[in-house]
Amino acid sequence: MYLKTWKEFETASYNLLLKDPTRVRCTMKYCHSESTVQLKVTDDISCLQFKTSDIQNVKKIEVFYATIMKQITSNEL
């Protein structure tokens, strides 16, 4: 499901990560023809997606992915 706002996507993704950090996967895809970035976070049960063409979201995406990767790696001991 595509979420409409960045805040919704971020909150839902963190909640999905907290449920089971070992099953969560994150992908990011840039579509040059549309100048959009598509993000996807899934645990094979639910799939969260977000699409943006707003350049201001790039810094938010960078911080988000750093936090997600830190959580995933720290919980896989």
PDB file of N, CA and C in Angstrom:
ATOM      1  N   MET A   1       0.837  -1.164   0.000  1.00  0.00           N
ATOM      2  CA  MET A   1       0.000   0.000   0.000  1.00  0.00           C
ATOM      3  C   MET A   1       0.891   1.240   0.000  1.00  0.00           C
ATOM      4  N   TYR A   2       0.550   2.199  -0.826  1.00  0.00           N
ATOM      5  CA  TYR A   2       1.277   3.463  -0.858  1.00  0.00           C
ATOM      6  C   TYR A   2       0.728   4.385   0.230  1.00  0.00           C
ATOM      7  N   LEU A   3       1.615   4.897   1.047  1.00  0.00           N
ATOM      8  CA  LEU A   3       1.222   5.859   2.070  1.00  0.00           C
ATOM      9  C   LEU A   3       1.403   7.262   1.511  1.00  0.00           C
ATOM     10  N   LYS A   4       0.518   8.170   1.896  1.00  0.00           N
ATOM     11  CA  LYS A   4       0.475   9.487   1.264  1.00  0.00           C
ATOM     12  C   LYS A   4       1.497  10.476   1.803  1.00  0.00           C
ATOM     13  N   THR A   5       1.799  10.413   3.095  1.00  0.00           N
ATOM     14  CA  THR A   5       2.720  11.387   3.658  1.00  0.00           C
ATOM     15  C   THR A   5       3.968  10.681   4.184  1.00  0.00           C
ATOM     16  N   TRP A   6       5.058  11.452   4.260  1.00  0.00           N
ATOM     17  CA  TRP A   6       6.306  10.904   4.763  1.00  0.00           C
ATOM     18  C   TRP A   6       6.163  10.448   6.211  1.00  0.00           C
ATOM     19  N   LYS A   7       5.480  11.236   7.016  1.00  0.00           N
ATOM     20  CA  LYS A   7       5.321  10.914   8.441  1.00  0.00           C
ATOM     21  C   LYS A   7       4.588   9.584   8.622  1.00  0.00           C
ATOM     22  N   GLU A   8       3.538   9.352   7.845  1.00  0.00           N
ATOM     23  CA  GLU A   8       2.815   8.079   7.913  1.00  0.00           C
ATOM     24  C   GLU A   8       3.731   6.912   7.571  1.00  0.00           C
ATOM     25  N   PHE A   9       4.497   7.066   6.493  1.00  0.00           N
ATOM     26  CA  PHE A   9       5.404   6.008   6.051  1.00  0.00           C
ATOM     27  C   PHE A   9       6.473   5.727   7.105  1.00  0.00           C
ATOM     28  N   GLU A  10       7.056   6.784   7.628  1.00  0.00           N
ATOM     29  CA  GLU A  10       8.117   6.642   8.616  1.00  0.00           C
ATOM     30  C   GLU A  10       7.609   5.941   9.871  1.00  0.00           C
ATOM     31  N   THR A  11       6.479   6.360  10.388  1.00  0.00           N
ATOM     32  CA  THR A  11       5.901   5.771  11.599  1.00  0.00           C
ATOM     33  C   THR A  11       5.523   4.310  11.379  1.00  0.00           C
ATOM     34  N   ALA A  12       4.857   4.027  10.280  1.00  0.00           N
ATOM     35  CA  ALA A  12       4.447   2.652   9.984  1.00  0.00           C
ATOM     36  C   ALA A  12       5.659   1.747   9.788  1.00  0.00           C
ATOM     37  N   SER A  13       6.705   2.256   9.165  1.00  0.00           N
ATOM     38  CA  SER A  13       7.918   1.463   8.949  1.00  0.00           C
ATOM     39  C   SER A  13       8.616   1.145  10.258  1.00  0.00           C
ATOM     40  N   TYR A  14       8.733   2.126  11.138  1.00  0.00           N
ATOM     41  CA  TYR A  14       9.348   1.884  12.444  1.00  0.00           C
ATOM     42  C   TYR A  14       8.537   0.867  13.240  1.00  0.00           C
ATOM     43  N   ASN A  15       7.212   0.953  13.181  1.00  0.00           N
ATOM     44  CA  ASN A  15       6.366  -0.014  13.891  1.00  0.00           C
ATOM     45  C   ASN A  15       6.560  -1.418  13.333  1.00  0.00           C
ATOM     46  N   LEU A  16       6.682  -1.531  12.014  1.00  0.00           N
ATOM     47  CA  LEU A  16       6.913  -2.825  11.386  1.00  0.00           C
ATOM     48  C   LEU A  16       8.266  -3.382  11.814  1.00  0.00           C
ATOM     49  N   LEU A  17       9.243  -2.520  11.878  1.00  0.00           N
ATOM     50  CA  LEU A  17      10.580  -2.935  12.301  1.00  0.00           C
ATOM     51  C   LEU A  17      10.592  -3.409  13.748  1.00  0.00           C
ATOM     52  N   LEU A  18       9.867  -2.739  14.612  1.00  0.00           N
ATOM     53  CA  LEU A  18       9.853  -3.113  16.027  1.00  0.00           C
ATOM     54  C   LEU A  18       9.179  -4.459  16.269  1.00  0.00           C
ATOM     55  N   LYS A  19       8.228  -4.835  15.392  1.00  0.00           N
ATOM     56  CA  LYS A  19       7.551  -6.119  15.547  1.00  0.00           C
ATOM     57  C   LYS A  19       8.516  -7.286  15.374  1.00  0.00           C
ATOM     58  N   ASP A  20       9.298  -7.262  14.287  1.00  0.00           N
ATOM     59  CA  ASP A  20      10.243  -8.349  14.021  1.00  0.00           C
ATOM     60  C   ASP A  20      11.387  -7.831  13.148  1.00  0.00           C
ATOM     61  N   PRO A  21      12.451  -7.320  13.754  1.00  0.00           N
ATOM     62  CA  PRO A  21      13.535  -6.701  12.989  1.00  0.00           C
ATOM     63  C   PRO A  21      14.309  -7.664  12.094  1.00  0.00           C
ATOM     64  N   THR A  22      14.225  -8.956  12.361  1.00  0.00           N
ATOM     65  CA  THR A  22      14.972  -9.908  11.539  1.00  0.00           C
ATOM     66  C   THR A  22      14.286 -10.217  10.210  1.00  0.00           C
ATOM     67  N   ARG A  23      13.036  -9.842  10.059  1.00  0.00           N
ATOM     68  CA  ARG A  23      12.301 -10.137   8.829  1.00  0.00           C
ATOM     69  C   ARG A  23      12.107  -8.929   7.919  1.00  0.00           C
ATOM     70  N   VAL A  24      12.446  -7.757   8.371  1.00  0.00           N
ATOM     71  CA  VAL A  24      12.180  -6.528   7.612  1.00  0.00           C
ATOM     72  C   VAL A  24      13.237  -6.318   6.536  1.00  0.00           C
ATOM     73  N   ARG A  25      12.764  -5.954   5.346  1.00  0.00           N
ATOM     74  CA  ARG A  25      13.637  -5.604   4.230  1.00  0.00           C
ATOM     75  C   ARG A  25      13.251  -4.232   3.712  1.00  0.00           C
ATOM     76  N   CYS A  26      14.247  -3.481   3.273  1.00  0.00           N
ATOM     77  CA  CYS A  26      14.019  -2.134   2.760  1.00  0.00           C
ATOM     78  C   CYS A  26      14.634  -2.010   1.367  1.00  0.00           C
ATOM     79  N   THR A  27      13.905  -1.379   0.462  1.00  0.00           N
ATOM     80  CA  THR A  27      14.458  -1.108  -0.861  1.00  0.00           C
ATOM     81  C   THR A  27      14.169   0.337  -1.233  1.00  0.00           C
ATOM     82  N   MET A  28      15.021   0.850  -2.093  1.00  0.00           N
ATOM     83  CA  MET A  28      14.854   2.208  -2.606  1.00  0.00           C
ATOM     84  C   MET A  28      15.160   2.160  -4.094  1.00  0.00           C
ATOM     85  N   LYS A  29      14.294   2.783  -4.889  1.00  0.00           N
ATOM     86  CA  LYS A  29      14.467   2.777  -6.332  1.00  0.00           C
ATOM     87  C   LYS A  29      14.240   4.179  -6.876  1.00  0.00           C
ATOM     88  N   TYR A  30      15.154   4.616  -7.742  1.00  0.00           N
ATOM     89  CA  TYR A  30      15.015   5.915  -8.386  1.00  0.00           C
ATOM     90  C   TYR A  30      14.550   5.703  -9.806  1.00  0.00           C
ATOM     91  N   CYS A  31      13.492   6.393 -10.187  1.00  0.00           N
ATOM     92  CA  CYS A  31      12.963   6.326 -11.544  1.00  0.00           C
ATOM     93  C   CYS A  31      13.329   7.631 -12.255  1.00  0.00           C
ATOM     94  N   HIS A  32      14.306   7.548 -13.152  1.00  0.00           N
ATOM     95  CA  HIS A  32      14.822   8.743 -13.806  1.00  0.00           C
ATOM     96  C   HIS A  32      13.778   9.421 -14.697  1.00  0.00           C
ATOM     97  N   SER A  33      12.989   8.648 -15.403  1.00  0.00           N
ATOM     98  CA  SER A  33      12.008   9.227 -16.331  1.00  0.00           C
ATOM     99  C   SER A  33      10.929  10.036 -15.611  1.00  0.00           C
ATOM    100  N   GLU A  34      10.589   9.625 -14.375  1.00  0.00           N
ATOM    101  CA  GLU A  34       9.583  10.344 -13.596  1.00  0.00           C
ATOM    102  C   GLU A  34      10.195  11.260 -12.547  1.00  0.00           C
ATOM    103  N   SER A  35      11.499  11.157 -12.351  1.00  0.00           N
ATOM    104  CA  SER A  35      12.220  11.890 -11.295  1.00  0.00           C
ATOM    105  C   SER A  35      11.600  11.649  -9.919  1.00  0.00           C
ATOM    106  N   THR A  36      11.378  10.383  -9.622  1.00  0.00           N
ATOM    107  CA  THR A  36      10.794  10.008  -8.335  1.00  0.00           C
ATOM    108  C   THR A  36      11.665   8.973  -7.629  1.00  0.00           C
ATOM    109  N   VAL A  37      11.546   8.949  -6.319  1.00  0.00           N
ATOM    110  CA  VAL A  37      12.179   7.926  -5.496  1.00  0.00           C
ATOM    111  C   VAL A  37      11.056   7.097  -4.883  1.00  0.00           C
ATOM    112  N   GLN A  38      11.189   5.777  -5.003  1.00  0.00           N
ATOM    113  CA  GLN A  38      10.188   4.873  -4.446  1.00  0.00           C
ATOM    114  C   GLN A  38      10.840   4.066  -3.332  1.00  0.00           C
ATOM    115  N   LEU A  39      10.213   4.076  -2.170  1.00  0.00           N
ATOM    116  CA  LEU A  39      10.709   3.333  -1.018  1.00  0.00           C
ATOM    117  C   LEU A  39       9.738   2.211  -0.700  1.00  0.00           C
ATOM    118  N   LYS A  40      10.290   1.089  -0.260  1.00  0.00           N
ATOM    119  CA  LYS A  40       9.455  -0.056   0.094  1.00  0.00           C
ATOM    120  C   LYS A  40      10.038  -0.712   1.334  1.00  0.00           C
ATOM    121  N   VAL A  41       9.189  -0.969   2.323  1.00  0.00           N
ATOM    122  CA  VAL A  41       9.573  -1.683   3.540  1.00  0.00           C
ATOM    123  C   VAL A  41       8.583  -2.829   3.691  1.00  0.00           C
ATOM    124  N   THR A  42       9.101  -4.045   3.823  1.00  0.00           N
ATOM    125  CA  THR A  42       8.228  -5.204   3.905  1.00  0.00           C
ATOM    126  C   THR A  42       8.766  -6.234   4.881  1.00  0.00           C
ATOM    127  N   ASP A  43       7.858  -7.033   5.409  1.00  0.00           N
ATOM    128  CA  ASP A  43       8.225  -8.187   6.228  1.00  0.00           C
ATOM    129  C   ASP A  43       7.551  -9.443   5.677  1.00  0.00           C
ATOM    130  N   ASP A  44       7.173  -9.435   4.425  1.00  0.00           N
ATOM    131  CA  ASP A  44       6.479 -10.502   3.700  1.00  0.00           C
ATOM    132  C   ASP A  44       5.021 -10.672   4.113  1.00  0.00           C
ATOM    133  N   ILE A  45       4.585  -9.992   5.128  1.00  0.00           N
ATOM    134  CA  ILE A  45       3.174 -10.021   5.510  1.00  0.00           C
ATOM    135  C   ILE A  45       2.526  -8.704   5.112  1.00  0.00           C
ATOM    136  N   SER A  46       3.162  -7.612   5.469  1.00  0.00           N
ATOM    137  CA  SER A  46       2.667  -6.306   5.051  1.00  0.00           C
ATOM    138  C   SER A  46       3.768  -5.583   4.285  1.00  0.00           C
ATOM    139  N   CYS A  47       3.333  -4.772   3.342  1.00  0.00           N
ATOM    140  CA  CYS A  47       4.249  -4.053   2.471  1.00  0.00           C
ATOM    141  C   CYS A  47       3.865  -2.573   2.487  1.00  0.00           C
ATOM    142  N   LEU A  48       4.821  -1.732   2.871  1.00  0.00           N
ATOM    143  CA  LEU A  48       4.595  -0.292   2.931  1.00  0.00           C
ATOM    144  C   LEU A  48       5.401   0.372   1.821  1.00  0.00           C
ATOM    145  N   GLN A  49       4.770   1.281   1.092  1.00  0.00           N
ATOM    146  CA  GLN A  49       5.450   1.956   0.004  1.00  0.00           C
ATOM    147  C   GLN A  49       5.210   3.451   0.072  1.00  0.00           C
ATOM    148  N   PHE A  50       6.213   4.185  -0.422  1.00  0.00           N
ATOM    149  CA  PHE A  50       6.135   5.637  -0.458  1.00  0.00           C
ATOM    150  C   PHE A  50       6.840   6.115  -1.715  1.00  0.00           C
ATOM    151  N   LYS A  51       6.232   7.053  -2.398  1.00  0.00           N
ATOM    152  CA  LYS A  51       6.791   7.603  -3.628  1.00  0.00           C
ATOM    153  C   LYS A  51       6.834   9.112  -3.499  1.00  0.00           C
ATOM    154  N   THR A  52       7.978   9.709  -3.869  1.00  0.00           N
ATOM    155  CA  THR A  52       8.100  11.153  -3.776  1.00  0.00           C
ATOM    156  C   THR A  52       8.965  11.697  -4.903  1.00  0.00           C
ATOM    157  N   SER A  53       8.679  12.916  -5.287  1.00  0.00           N
ATOM    158  CA  SER A  53       9.535  13.645  -6.223  1.00  0.00           C
ATOM    159  C   SER A  53      10.054  14.916  -5.562  1.00  0.00           C
ATOM    160  N   ASP A  54       9.793  15.062  -4.289  1.00  0.00           N
ATOM    161  CA  ASP A  54      10.185  16.247  -3.525  1.00  0.00           C
ATOM    162  C   ASP A  54      11.635  16.114  -3.062  1.00  0.00           C
ATOM    163  N   ILE A  55      12.476  17.028  -3.474  1.00  0.00           N
ATOM    164  CA  ILE A  55      13.898  16.975  -3.151  1.00  0.00           C
ATOM    165  C   ILE A  55      14.139  17.152  -1.655  1.00  0.00           C
ATOM    166  N   GLN A  56      13.242  17.789  -0.943  1.00  0.00           N
ATOM    167  CA  GLN A  56      13.405  17.990   0.497  1.00  0.00           C
ATOM    168  C   GLN A  56      13.318  16.682   1.280  1.00  0.00           C
ATOM    169  N   ASN A  57      12.691  15.680   0.695  1.00  0.00           N
ATOM    170  CA  ASN A  57      12.568  14.394   1.373  1.00  0.00           C
ATOM    171  C   ASN A  57      13.847  13.572   1.319  1.00  0.00           C
ATOM    172  N   VAL A  58      14.809  13.960   0.487  1.00  0.00           N
ATOM    173  CA  VAL A  58      16.026  13.174   0.341  1.00  0.00           C
ATOM    174  C   VAL A  58      16.803  13.086   1.660  1.00  0.00           C
ATOM    175  N   LYS A  59      16.961  14.193   2.359  1.00  0.00           N
ATOM    176  CA  LYS A  59      17.659  14.177   3.643  1.00  0.00           C
ATOM    177  C   LYS A  59      16.897  13.335   4.660  1.00  0.00           C
ATOM    178  N   LYS A  60      15.569  13.419   4.646  1.00  0.00           N
ATOM    179  CA  LYS A  60      14.758  12.606   5.554  1.00  0.00           C
ATOM    180  C   LYS A  60      14.944  11.120   5.256  1.00  0.00           C
ATOM    181  N   ILE A  61      15.017  10.773   3.969  1.00  0.00           N
ATOM    182  CA  ILE A  61      15.208   9.383   3.567  1.00  0.00           C
ATOM    183  C   ILE A  61      16.570   8.884   4.036  1.00  0.00           C
ATOM    184  N   GLU A  62      17.589   9.719   3.916  1.00  0.00           N
ATOM    185  CA  GLU A  62      18.933   9.342   4.352  1.00  0.00           C
ATOM    186  C   GLU A  62      18.966   9.041   5.853  1.00  0.00           C
ATOM    187  N   VAL A  63      18.373   9.891   6.652  1.00  0.00           N
ATOM    188  CA  VAL A  63      18.323   9.676   8.103  1.00  0.00           C
ATOM    189  C   VAL A  63      17.496   8.436   8.430  1.00  0.00           C
ATOM    190  N   PHE A  64      16.378   8.276   7.745  1.00  0.00           N
ATOM    191  CA  PHE A  64      15.503   7.122   7.951  1.00  0.00           C
ATOM    192  C   PHE A  64      16.251   5.813   7.694  1.00  0.00           C
ATOM    193  N   TYR A  65      16.938   5.723   6.556  1.00  0.00           N
ATOM    194  CA  TYR A  65      17.648   4.494   6.221  1.00  0.00           C
ATOM    195  C   TYR A  65      18.796   4.224   7.186  1.00  0.00           C
ATOM    196  N   ALA A  66      19.484   5.252   7.639  1.00  0.00           N
ATOM    197  CA  ALA A  66      20.558   5.059   8.617  1.00  0.00           C
ATOM    198  C   ALA A  66      19.997   4.482   9.917  1.00  0.00           C
ATOM    199  N   THR A  67      18.864   4.998  10.356  1.00  0.00           N
ATOM    200  CA  THR A  67      18.231   4.515  11.586  1.00  0.00           C
ATOM    201  C   THR A  67      17.733   3.081  11.423  1.00  0.00           C
ATOM    202  N   ILE A  68      17.093   2.806  10.304  1.00  0.00           N
ATOM    203  CA  ILE A  68      16.578   1.451  10.031  1.00  0.00           C
ATOM    204  C   ILE A  68      17.730   0.441  10.000  1.00  0.00           C
ATOM    205  N   MET A  69      18.797   0.771   9.293  1.00  0.00           N
ATOM    206  CA  MET A  69      19.922  -0.162   9.180  1.00  0.00           C
ATOM    207  C   MET A  69      20.598  -0.381  10.532  1.00  0.00           C
ATOM    208  N   LYS A  70      20.679   0.651  11.336  1.00  0.00           N
ATOM    209  CA  LYS A  70      21.261   0.507  12.673  1.00  0.00           C
ATOM    210  C   LYS A  70      20.405  -0.444  13.517  1.00  0.00           C
ATOM    211  N   GLN A  71      19.087  -0.297  13.450  1.00  0.00           N
ATOM    212  CA  GLN A  71      18.177  -1.159  14.211  1.00  0.00           C
ATOM    213  C   GLN A  71      18.265  -2.609  13.735  1.00  0.00           C
ATOM    214  N   ILE A  72      18.276  -2.807  12.429  1.00  0.00           N
ATOM    215  CA  ILE A  72      18.313  -4.168  11.888  1.00  0.00           C
ATOM    216  C   ILE A  72      19.604  -4.867  12.288  1.00  0.00           C
ATOM    217  N   THR A  73      20.722  -4.187  12.142  1.00  0.00           N
ATOM    218  CA  THR A  73      22.001  -4.826  12.447  1.00  0.00           C
ATOM    219  C   THR A  73      22.220  -5.023  13.935  1.00  0.00           C
ATOM    220  N   SER A  74      21.710  -4.138  14.770  1.00  0.00           N
ATOM    221  CA  SER A  74      21.921  -4.280  16.206  1.00  0.00           C
ATOM    222  C   SER A  74      21.059  -5.388  16.802  1.00  0.00           C
ATOM    223  N   ASN A  75      19.949  -5.720  16.169  1.00  0.00           N
ATOM    224  CA  ASN A  75      19.060  -6.755  16.696  1.00  0.00           C
ATOM    225  C   ASN A  75      19.351  -8.135  16.111  1.00  0.00           C
ATOM    226  N   GLU A  76      20.301  -8.250  15.186  1.00  0.00           N
ATOM    227  CA  GLU A  76      20.615  -9.549  14.592  1.00  0.00           C
ATOM    228  C   GLU A  76      21.854 -10.172  15.228  1.00  0.00           C
ATOM    229  N   LEU A  77      21.906 -10.226  16.508  1.00  0.00           N
ATOM    230  CA  LEU A  77      23.075 -10.776  17.203  1.00  0.00           C
ATOM    231  C   LEU A  77      22.997 -12.263  17.346  1.00  0.00           C
TER     232      LEU A  77
END
